[in-house]
Amino acid sequence: MNRAQRVLVLAHEPLGTSALVGERLRQHGYEVHEHVVTTDLDRPNDAAAFPDFAAYDMVVPMGSVRSLTNTDEIESWIFTEIAMVQAAHERGTPMLGVCFGGQVLAAALGGEVEQAPETEIGWYEIHEVDGAVNPAGPGPWFQWHHDRFTPPPEAEVLAVNDRAVQLFRLGRSVGTQFHPEVTRAHVENFLTSADDEYLTEHGLSRKDLLDGAGRHEDRNARQCFALVDWFLHEVASS
């Protein structure tokens, strides 16, 4: 009997799990392993050792409250992760990087990460670029990021908005700037690491973010599943 294909999810904090992305992978018969990189938000350099990427058929690096523009607070593990992602790409391992995970992919494959001129928190539409098909659809998709990536030079940019590149592909690696995985409960988890001063600074309220997540939840599940299906059928199987 053939074994189920194994997926390594890199959850950089306990609340940053794969959620809807992992759910869809399981529905397709994948065995999903969630590896939590750091468990204490106050000690971001205390990290669990990474498993062997080569033991997995797919890697899914997820989001993080951390920043690739401030590697000092995560230097004990981030450069190891970047090197492992680069090696996995060179082996042809399919990878789907989400938000911070998409930035890790970009950095590992020759792109760059910088502070974004404008923070995106909430639901935003994205659109295709000339000559490309946006497989994610227009959304709106949930965003929560202060940084943005410049894709690797040879990557195909598939979707953008006026603030950032939102989706790129290079071979069997795909990076998103948005969060396709979120449910209302997931957004509620995100909010546990955001104090009232932070939300006020960005003109946000907990109620509005949770109400928005509730309104978009069913539709977002459908569009997330469609994105994962595209990744499996058109990218991972290529």
C-alpha atoms as a PDB file:
ATOM      1  CA  MET A   1       0.000   0.000   0.000  1.00  0.00           C
ATOM      2  CA  ASN A   2       1.314   3.447  -0.908  1.00  0.00           C
ATOM      3  CA  ARG A   3       1.790   5.782   2.049  1.00  0.00           C
ATOM      4  CA  ALA A   4       0.018   9.125   2.205  1.00  0.00           C
ATOM      5  CA  GLN A   5       2.154  12.028   1.060  1.00  0.00           C
ATOM      6  CA  ARG A   6       3.501  14.003   4.018  1.00  0.00           C
ATOM      7  CA  VAL A   7       3.263  17.774   4.369  1.00  0.00           C
ATOM      8  CA  LEU A   8       5.452  19.776   6.743  1.00  0.00           C
ATOM      9  CA  VAL A   9       3.705  22.945   7.939  1.00  0.00           C
ATOM     10  CA  LEU A  10       5.975  25.517   9.586  1.00  0.00           C
ATOM     11  CA  ALA A  11       3.811  27.323  12.145  1.00  0.00           C
ATOM     12  CA  HIS A  12       6.170  30.016  13.406  1.00  0.00           C
ATOM     13  CA  GLU A  13       4.007  30.572  16.495  1.00  0.00           C
ATOM     14  CA  PRO A  14       1.302  28.368  18.045  1.00  0.00           C
ATOM     15  CA  LEU A  15      -1.530  30.507  16.671  1.00  0.00           C
ATOM     16  CA  GLY A  16      -0.152  30.581  13.115  1.00  0.00           C
ATOM     17  CA  THR A  17      -1.337  27.151  12.005  1.00  0.00           C
ATOM     18  CA  SER A  18      -2.323  26.123   8.498  1.00  0.00           C
ATOM     19  CA  ALA A  19      -6.074  26.199   9.311  1.00  0.00           C
ATOM     20  CA  LEU A  20      -8.066  26.054   6.043  1.00  0.00           C
ATOM     21  CA  VAL A  21      -4.962  25.260   3.959  1.00  0.00           C
ATOM     22  CA  GLY A  22      -4.206  22.247   6.120  1.00  0.00           C
ATOM     23  CA  GLU A  23      -7.864  21.236   6.124  1.00  0.00           C
ATOM     24  CA  ARG A  24      -7.949  21.131   2.335  1.00  0.00           C
ATOM     25  CA  LEU A  25      -4.688  19.187   2.136  1.00  0.00           C
ATOM     26  CA  ARG A  26      -6.130  16.597   4.512  1.00  0.00           C
ATOM     27  CA  GLN A  27      -9.265  16.381   2.378  1.00  0.00           C
ATOM     28  CA  HIS A  28      -6.992  15.461  -0.528  1.00  0.00           C
ATOM     29  CA  GLY A  29      -5.448  12.667   1.541  1.00  0.00           C
ATOM     30  CA  TYR A  30      -2.233  14.349   2.652  1.00  0.00           C
ATOM     31  CA  GLU A  31      -0.747  13.657   6.080  1.00  0.00           C
ATOM     32  CA  VAL A  32      -0.193  17.124   7.582  1.00  0.00           C
ATOM     33  CA  HIS A  33       2.417  17.676  10.298  1.00  0.00           C
ATOM     34  CA  GLU A  34       2.338  21.069  12.033  1.00  0.00           C
ATOM     35  CA  HIS A  35       5.788  22.005  13.366  1.00  0.00           C
ATOM     36  CA  VAL A  36       5.638  24.938  15.810  1.00  0.00           C
ATOM     37  CA  VAL A  37       8.917  26.829  15.493  1.00  0.00           C
ATOM     38  CA  THR A  38       8.580  29.066  18.583  1.00  0.00           C
ATOM     39  CA  THR A  39       6.131  28.709  21.460  1.00  0.00           C
ATOM     40  CA  ASP A  40       6.734  31.862  23.548  1.00  0.00           C
ATOM     41  CA  LEU A  41       5.995  35.236  21.954  1.00  0.00           C
ATOM     42  CA  ASP A  42       8.293  36.896  24.480  1.00  0.00           C
ATOM     43  CA  ARG A  43      11.228  34.660  23.527  1.00  0.00           C
ATOM     44  CA  PRO A  44      11.314  34.598  19.717  1.00  0.00           C
ATOM     45  CA  ASN A  45      14.857  33.198  19.536  1.00  0.00           C
ATOM     46  CA  ASP A  46      13.920  30.092  21.537  1.00  0.00           C
ATOM     47  CA  ALA A  47      13.098  27.696  18.718  1.00  0.00           C
ATOM     48  CA  ALA A  48      12.479  24.001  18.340  1.00  0.00           C
ATOM     49  CA  ALA A  49      14.868  22.176  16.049  1.00  0.00           C
ATOM     50  CA  PHE A  50      13.548  21.854  12.509  1.00  0.00           C
ATOM     51  CA  PRO A  51      12.630  18.393  11.255  1.00  0.00           C
ATOM     52  CA  ASP A  52      14.362  17.059   8.172  1.00  0.00           C
ATOM     53  CA  PHE A  53      12.685  18.735   5.199  1.00  0.00           C
ATOM     54  CA  ALA A  54      13.805  15.856   2.980  1.00  0.00           C
ATOM     55  CA  ALA A  55      11.471  13.514   4.877  1.00  0.00           C
ATOM     56  CA  TYR A  56       8.433  15.412   3.540  1.00  0.00           C
ATOM     57  CA  ASP A  57       6.758  15.589   0.160  1.00  0.00           C
ATOM     58  CA  MET A  58       5.626  19.208   0.558  1.00  0.00           C
ATOM     59  CA  VAL A  59       6.517  22.185   2.764  1.00  0.00           C
ATOM     60  CA  VAL A  60       4.103  24.960   3.794  1.00  0.00           C
ATOM     61  CA  PRO A  61       5.756  27.865   5.679  1.00  0.00           C
ATOM     62  CA  MET A  62       3.052  29.954   7.355  1.00  0.00           C
ATOM     63  CA  GLY A  63       2.819  33.516   8.676  1.00  0.00           C
ATOM     64  CA  SER A  64       4.487  35.069  11.700  1.00  0.00           C
ATOM     65  CA  VAL A  65       4.380  38.103  13.944  1.00  0.00           C
ATOM     66  CA  ARG A  66       8.121  38.410  13.229  1.00  0.00           C
ATOM     67  CA  SER A  67       9.831  40.314  10.439  1.00  0.00           C
ATOM     68  CA  LEU A  68      12.575  39.468   7.982  1.00  0.00           C
ATOM     69  CA  THR A  69      13.610  43.112   8.232  1.00  0.00           C
ATOM     70  CA  ASN A  70      14.519  42.488  11.901  1.00  0.00           C
ATOM     71  CA  THR A  71      16.379  39.194  11.903  1.00  0.00           C
ATOM     72  CA  ASP A  72      18.234  39.869  15.183  1.00  0.00           C
ATOM     73  CA  GLU A  73      15.296  38.653  17.251  1.00  0.00           C
ATOM     74  CA  ILE A  74      15.010  35.428  15.227  1.00  0.00           C
ATOM     75  CA  GLU A  75      18.623  34.846  14.190  1.00  0.00           C
ATOM     76  CA  SER A  76      18.811  31.504  15.998  1.00  0.00           C
ATOM     77  CA  TRP A  77      16.482  29.903  13.404  1.00  0.00           C
ATOM     78  CA  ILE A  78      15.551  32.119  10.467  1.00  0.00           C
ATOM     79  CA  PHE A  79      18.737  31.636   8.456  1.00  0.00           C
ATOM     80  CA  THR A  80      18.505  27.878   8.986  1.00  0.00           C
ATOM     81  CA  GLU A  81      14.924  27.957   7.691  1.00  0.00           C
ATOM     82  CA  ILE A  82      15.882  30.030   4.667  1.00  0.00           C
ATOM     83  CA  ALA A  83      18.709  27.630   3.806  1.00  0.00           C
ATOM     84  CA  MET A  84      16.434  24.606   4.199  1.00  0.00           C
ATOM     85  CA  VAL A  85      13.758  26.195   2.022  1.00  0.00           C
ATOM     86  CA  GLN A  86      16.358  26.921  -0.642  1.00  0.00           C
ATOM     87  CA  ALA A  87      17.551  23.306  -0.546  1.00  0.00           C
ATOM     88  CA  ALA A  88      13.993  21.990  -0.699  1.00  0.00           C
ATOM     89  CA  HIS A  89      13.277  24.141  -3.751  1.00  0.00           C
ATOM     90  CA  GLU A  90      16.411  22.858  -5.458  1.00  0.00           C
ATOM     91  CA  ARG A  91      15.238  19.275  -4.787  1.00  0.00           C
ATOM     92  CA  GLY A  92      11.911  20.100  -6.430  1.00  0.00           C
ATOM     93  CA  THR A  93       9.843  19.843  -3.235  1.00  0.00           C
ATOM     94  CA  PRO A  94       6.527  21.691  -3.738  1.00  0.00           C
ATOM     95  CA  MET A  95       6.212  24.641  -1.358  1.00  0.00           C
ATOM     96  CA  LEU A  96       3.375  27.036  -0.587  1.00  0.00           C
ATOM     97  CA  GLY A  97       4.525  30.000   1.514  1.00  0.00           C
ATOM     98  CA  VAL A  98       1.919  32.202   3.217  1.00  0.00           C
ATOM     99  CA  CYS A  99       2.631  35.850   4.167  1.00  0.00           C
ATOM    100  CA  PHE A 100       5.846  35.603   6.254  1.00  0.00           C
ATOM    101  CA  GLY A 101       6.270  32.173   4.672  1.00  0.00           C
ATOM    102  CA  GLY A 102       5.978  33.757   1.226  1.00  0.00           C
ATOM    103  CA  GLN A 103       8.619  36.267   2.269  1.00  0.00           C
ATOM    104  CA  VAL A 104      10.877  33.409   3.404  1.00  0.00           C
ATOM    105  CA  LEU A 105      10.453  31.801  -0.019  1.00  0.00           C
ATOM    106  CA  ALA A 106      11.269  35.065  -1.757  1.00  0.00           C
ATOM    107  CA  ALA A 107      14.399  35.600   0.348  1.00  0.00           C
ATOM    108  CA  ALA A 108      15.545  32.001  -0.117  1.00  0.00           C
ATOM    109  CA  LEU A 109      15.144  32.072  -3.894  1.00  0.00           C
ATOM    110  CA  GLY A 110      16.858  35.379  -4.676  1.00  0.00           C
ATOM    111  CA  GLY A 111      14.205  38.001  -3.937  1.00  0.00           C
ATOM    112  CA  GLU A 112      14.114  40.575  -1.163  1.00  0.00           C
ATOM    113  CA  VAL A 113      11.931  41.618   1.755  1.00  0.00           C
ATOM    114  CA  GLU A 114      11.414  45.218   2.833  1.00  0.00           C
ATOM    115  CA  GLN A 115       9.135  47.242   5.058  1.00  0.00           C
ATOM    116  CA  ALA A 116       5.976  48.068   3.145  1.00  0.00           C
ATOM    117  CA  PRO A 117       5.177  51.756   2.716  1.00  0.00           C
ATOM    118  CA  GLU A 118       1.630  50.993   3.863  1.00  0.00           C
ATOM    119  CA  THR A 119       0.423  48.333   6.291  1.00  0.00           C
ATOM    120  CA  GLU A 120      -2.385  46.062   5.123  1.00  0.00           C
ATOM    121  CA  ILE A 121      -4.692  44.663   7.802  1.00  0.00           C
ATOM    122  CA  GLY A 122      -8.145  43.535   6.740  1.00  0.00           C
ATOM    123  CA  TRP A 123      -9.735  42.354   3.497  1.00  0.00           C
ATOM    124  CA  TYR A 124      -8.245  43.531   0.190  1.00  0.00           C
ATOM    125  CA  GLU A 125      -8.829  42.670  -3.439  1.00  0.00           C
ATOM    126  CA  ILE A 126      -5.966  41.611  -5.702  1.00  0.00           C
ATOM    127  CA  HIS A 127      -5.708  41.445  -9.470  1.00  0.00           C
ATOM    128  CA  GLU A 128      -3.706  39.771 -12.191  1.00  0.00           C
ATOM    129  CA  VAL A 129      -0.846  41.407 -14.054  1.00  0.00           C
ATOM    130  CA  ASP A 130      -0.559  41.708 -17.828  1.00  0.00           C
ATOM    131  CA  GLY A 131       0.107  38.368 -19.454  1.00  0.00           C
ATOM    132  CA  ALA A 132      -0.614  36.300 -16.337  1.00  0.00           C
ATOM    133  CA  VAL A 133      -3.655  34.517 -14.969  1.00  0.00           C
ATOM    134  CA  ASN A 134      -4.409  35.110 -11.307  1.00  0.00           C
ATOM    135  CA  PRO A 135      -5.356  31.624 -10.040  1.00  0.00           C
ATOM    136  CA  ALA A 136      -6.372  33.026  -6.660  1.00  0.00           C
ATOM    137  CA  GLY A 137      -9.169  35.193  -7.990  1.00  0.00           C
ATOM    138  CA  PRO A 138      -9.783  38.773  -6.861  1.00  0.00           C
ATOM    139  CA  GLY A 139     -10.819  37.970  -3.301  1.00  0.00           C
ATOM    140  CA  PRO A 140     -11.032  39.965  -1.177  1.00  0.00           C
ATOM    141  CA  TRP A 141      -8.322  38.136   0.749  1.00  0.00           C
ATOM    142  CA  PHE A 142      -7.307  38.674   4.357  1.00  0.00           C
ATOM    143  CA  GLN A 143      -4.072  40.586   4.898  1.00  0.00           C
ATOM    144  CA  TRP A 144      -1.993  41.308   7.971  1.00  0.00           C
ATOM    145  CA  HIS A 145       1.514  42.448   7.124  1.00  0.00           C
ATOM    146  CA  HIS A 146       3.947  45.305   7.608  1.00  0.00           C
ATOM    147  CA  ASP A 147       6.540  43.988   5.141  1.00  0.00           C
ATOM    148  CA  ARG A 148       6.382  42.975   1.501  1.00  0.00           C
ATOM    149  CA  PHE A 149       8.519  40.876  -0.816  1.00  0.00           C
ATOM    150  CA  THR A 150      10.204  41.481  -4.123  1.00  0.00           C
ATOM    151  CA  PRO A 151       9.867  38.131  -5.898  1.00  0.00           C
ATOM    152  CA  PRO A 152      12.923  36.240  -7.129  1.00  0.00           C
ATOM    153  CA  PRO A 153      14.136  37.553 -10.500  1.00  0.00           C
ATOM    154  CA  GLU A 154      12.948  34.515 -12.496  1.00  0.00           C
ATOM    155  CA  ALA A 155       9.596  34.187 -10.716  1.00  0.00           C
ATOM    156  CA  GLU A 156       6.263  34.703 -12.444  1.00  0.00           C
ATOM    157  CA  VAL A 157       4.181  37.370 -10.724  1.00  0.00           C
ATOM    158  CA  LEU A 158       0.561  36.197 -10.768  1.00  0.00           C
ATOM    159  CA  ALA A 159      -1.273  38.816  -8.682  1.00  0.00           C
ATOM    160  CA  VAL A 160      -0.695  42.249  -7.186  1.00  0.00           C
ATOM    161  CA  ASN A 161      -2.480  45.173  -5.643  1.00  0.00           C
ATOM    162  CA  ASP A 162      -1.373  48.780  -5.387  1.00  0.00           C
ATOM    163  CA  ARG A 163       0.561  48.071  -2.177  1.00  0.00           C
ATOM    164  CA  ALA A 164       2.461  44.850  -2.834  1.00  0.00           C
ATOM    165  CA  VAL A 165       3.048  41.833  -5.011  1.00  0.00           C
ATOM    166  CA  GLN A 166       0.523  39.317  -3.721  1.00  0.00           C
ATOM    167  CA  LEU A 167       1.296  36.034  -5.465  1.00  0.00           C
ATOM    168  CA  PHE A 168       4.306  34.606  -7.286  1.00  0.00           C
ATOM    169  CA  ARG A 169       5.423  31.263  -8.632  1.00  0.00           C
ATOM    170  CA  LEU A 170       8.888  29.920  -9.335  1.00  0.00           C
ATOM    171  CA  GLY A 171       8.892  26.307 -10.457  1.00  0.00           C
ATOM    172  CA  ARG A 172       7.164  24.271  -7.744  1.00  0.00           C
ATOM    173  CA  SER A 173       7.281  27.094  -5.186  1.00  0.00           C
ATOM    174  CA  VAL A 174       4.422  29.570  -4.658  1.00  0.00           C
ATOM    175  CA  GLY A 175       4.397  32.533  -2.293  1.00  0.00           C
ATOM    176  CA  THR A 176       1.398  34.573  -1.194  1.00  0.00           C
ATOM    177  CA  GLN A 177       1.410  37.889   0.662  1.00  0.00           C
ATOM    178  CA  PHE A 178      -2.197  37.376   1.774  1.00  0.00           C
ATOM    179  CA  HIS A 179      -3.575  34.833   4.270  1.00  0.00           C
ATOM    180  CA  PRO A 180      -5.810  32.308   2.474  1.00  0.00           C
ATOM    181  CA  GLU A 181      -6.040  30.066   5.542  1.00  0.00           C
ATOM    182  CA  VAL A 182      -8.051  32.274   7.876  1.00  0.00           C
ATOM    183  CA  THR A 183     -11.355  31.602   9.596  1.00  0.00           C
ATOM    184  CA  ARG A 184     -13.055  33.859  12.127  1.00  0.00           C
ATOM    185  CA  ALA A 185     -11.428  31.826  14.903  1.00  0.00           C
ATOM    186  CA  HIS A 186      -8.050  32.234  13.225  1.00  0.00           C
ATOM    187  CA  VAL A 187      -8.427  36.032  13.086  1.00  0.00           C
ATOM    188  CA  GLU A 188      -9.481  35.972  16.735  1.00  0.00           C
ATOM    189  CA  ASN A 189      -6.229  34.143  17.490  1.00  0.00           C
ATOM    190  CA  PHE A 190      -4.236  36.758  15.564  1.00  0.00           C
ATOM    191  CA  LEU A 191      -5.829  39.445  17.719  1.00  0.00           C
ATOM    192  CA  THR A 192      -4.485  37.930  20.928  1.00  0.00           C
ATOM    193  CA  SER A 193      -1.044  39.269  20.000  1.00  0.00           C
ATOM    194  CA  ALA A 194      -2.336  42.772  19.125  1.00  0.00           C
ATOM    195  CA  ASP A 195      -2.938  45.195  21.998  1.00  0.00           C
ATOM    196  CA  ASP A 196      -5.427  48.056  21.874  1.00  0.00           C
ATOM    197  CA  GLU A 197      -2.696  50.668  21.331  1.00  0.00           C
ATOM    198  CA  TYR A 198      -1.473  48.821  18.233  1.00  0.00           C
ATOM    199  CA  LEU A 199      -4.987  48.525  16.809  1.00  0.00           C
ATOM    200  CA  THR A 200      -5.738  52.201  17.469  1.00  0.00           C
ATOM    201  CA  GLU A 201      -2.470  53.203  15.792  1.00  0.00           C
ATOM    202  CA  HIS A 202      -3.634  51.437  12.615  1.00  0.00           C
ATOM    203  CA  GLY A 203      -7.249  52.634  12.808  1.00  0.00           C
ATOM    204  CA  LEU A 204      -8.621  49.181  13.612  1.00  0.00           C
ATOM    205  CA  SER A 205     -11.019  47.669  16.111  1.00  0.00           C
ATOM    206  CA  ARG A 206     -11.338  44.099  17.288  1.00  0.00           C
ATOM    207  CA  LYS A 207     -15.059  44.112  16.616  1.00  0.00           C
ATOM    208  CA  ASP A 208     -14.671  45.286  13.016  1.00  0.00           C
ATOM    209  CA  LEU A 209     -11.974  42.718  12.257  1.00  0.00           C
ATOM    210  CA  LEU A 210     -13.997  39.885  13.782  1.00  0.00           C
ATOM    211  CA  ASP A 211     -17.239  40.995  12.125  1.00  0.00           C
ATOM    212  CA  GLY A 212     -15.427  41.141   8.784  1.00  0.00           C
ATOM    213  CA  ALA A 213     -13.974  37.683   9.296  1.00  0.00           C
ATOM    214  CA  GLY A 214     -17.440  36.367  10.066  1.00  0.00           C
ATOM    215  CA  ARG A 215     -18.919  37.923   6.922  1.00  0.00           C
ATOM    216  CA  HIS A 216     -16.144  36.568   4.687  1.00  0.00           C
ATOM    217  CA  GLU A 217     -15.656  33.181   6.362  1.00  0.00           C
ATOM    218  CA  ASP A 218     -17.732  30.932   4.087  1.00  0.00           C
ATOM    219  CA  ARG A 219     -16.627  32.611   0.878  1.00  0.00           C
ATOM    220  CA  ASN A 220     -13.003  32.596   1.989  1.00  0.00           C
ATOM    221  CA  ALA A 221     -13.140  28.862   2.676  1.00  0.00           C
ATOM    222  CA  ARG A 222     -14.283  28.284  -0.908  1.00  0.00           C
ATOM    223  CA  GLN A 223     -11.600  30.507  -2.409  1.00  0.00           C
ATOM    224  CA  CYS A 224      -8.893  29.035  -0.166  1.00  0.00           C
ATOM    225  CA  PHE A 225      -9.853  25.506  -1.201  1.00  0.00           C
ATOM    226  CA  ALA A 226      -9.773  26.571  -4.856  1.00  0.00           C
ATOM    227  CA  LEU A 227      -6.301  28.054  -4.402  1.00  0.00           C
ATOM    228  CA  VAL A 228      -5.008  24.888  -2.722  1.00  0.00           C
ATOM    229  CA  ASP A 229      -6.566  22.782  -5.503  1.00  0.00           C
ATOM    230  CA  TRP A 230      -4.767  24.886  -8.107  1.00  0.00           C
ATOM    231  CA  PHE A 231      -1.489  24.537  -6.213  1.00  0.00           C
ATOM    232  CA  LEU A 232      -1.840  20.746  -6.026  1.00  0.00           C
ATOM    233  CA  HIS A 233      -2.973  20.188  -9.596  1.00  0.00           C
ATOM    234  CA  GLU A 234      -0.953  22.800 -11.479  1.00  0.00           C
ATOM    235  CA  VAL A 235       2.154  23.333  -9.359  1.00  0.00           C
ATOM    236  CA  ALA A 236       2.855  20.357  -7.105  1.00  0.00           C
ATOM    237  CA  SER A 237       1.993  17.899  -9.874  1.00  0.00           C
ATOM    238  CA  SER A 238       4.028  19.693 -12.542  1.00  0.00           C
END
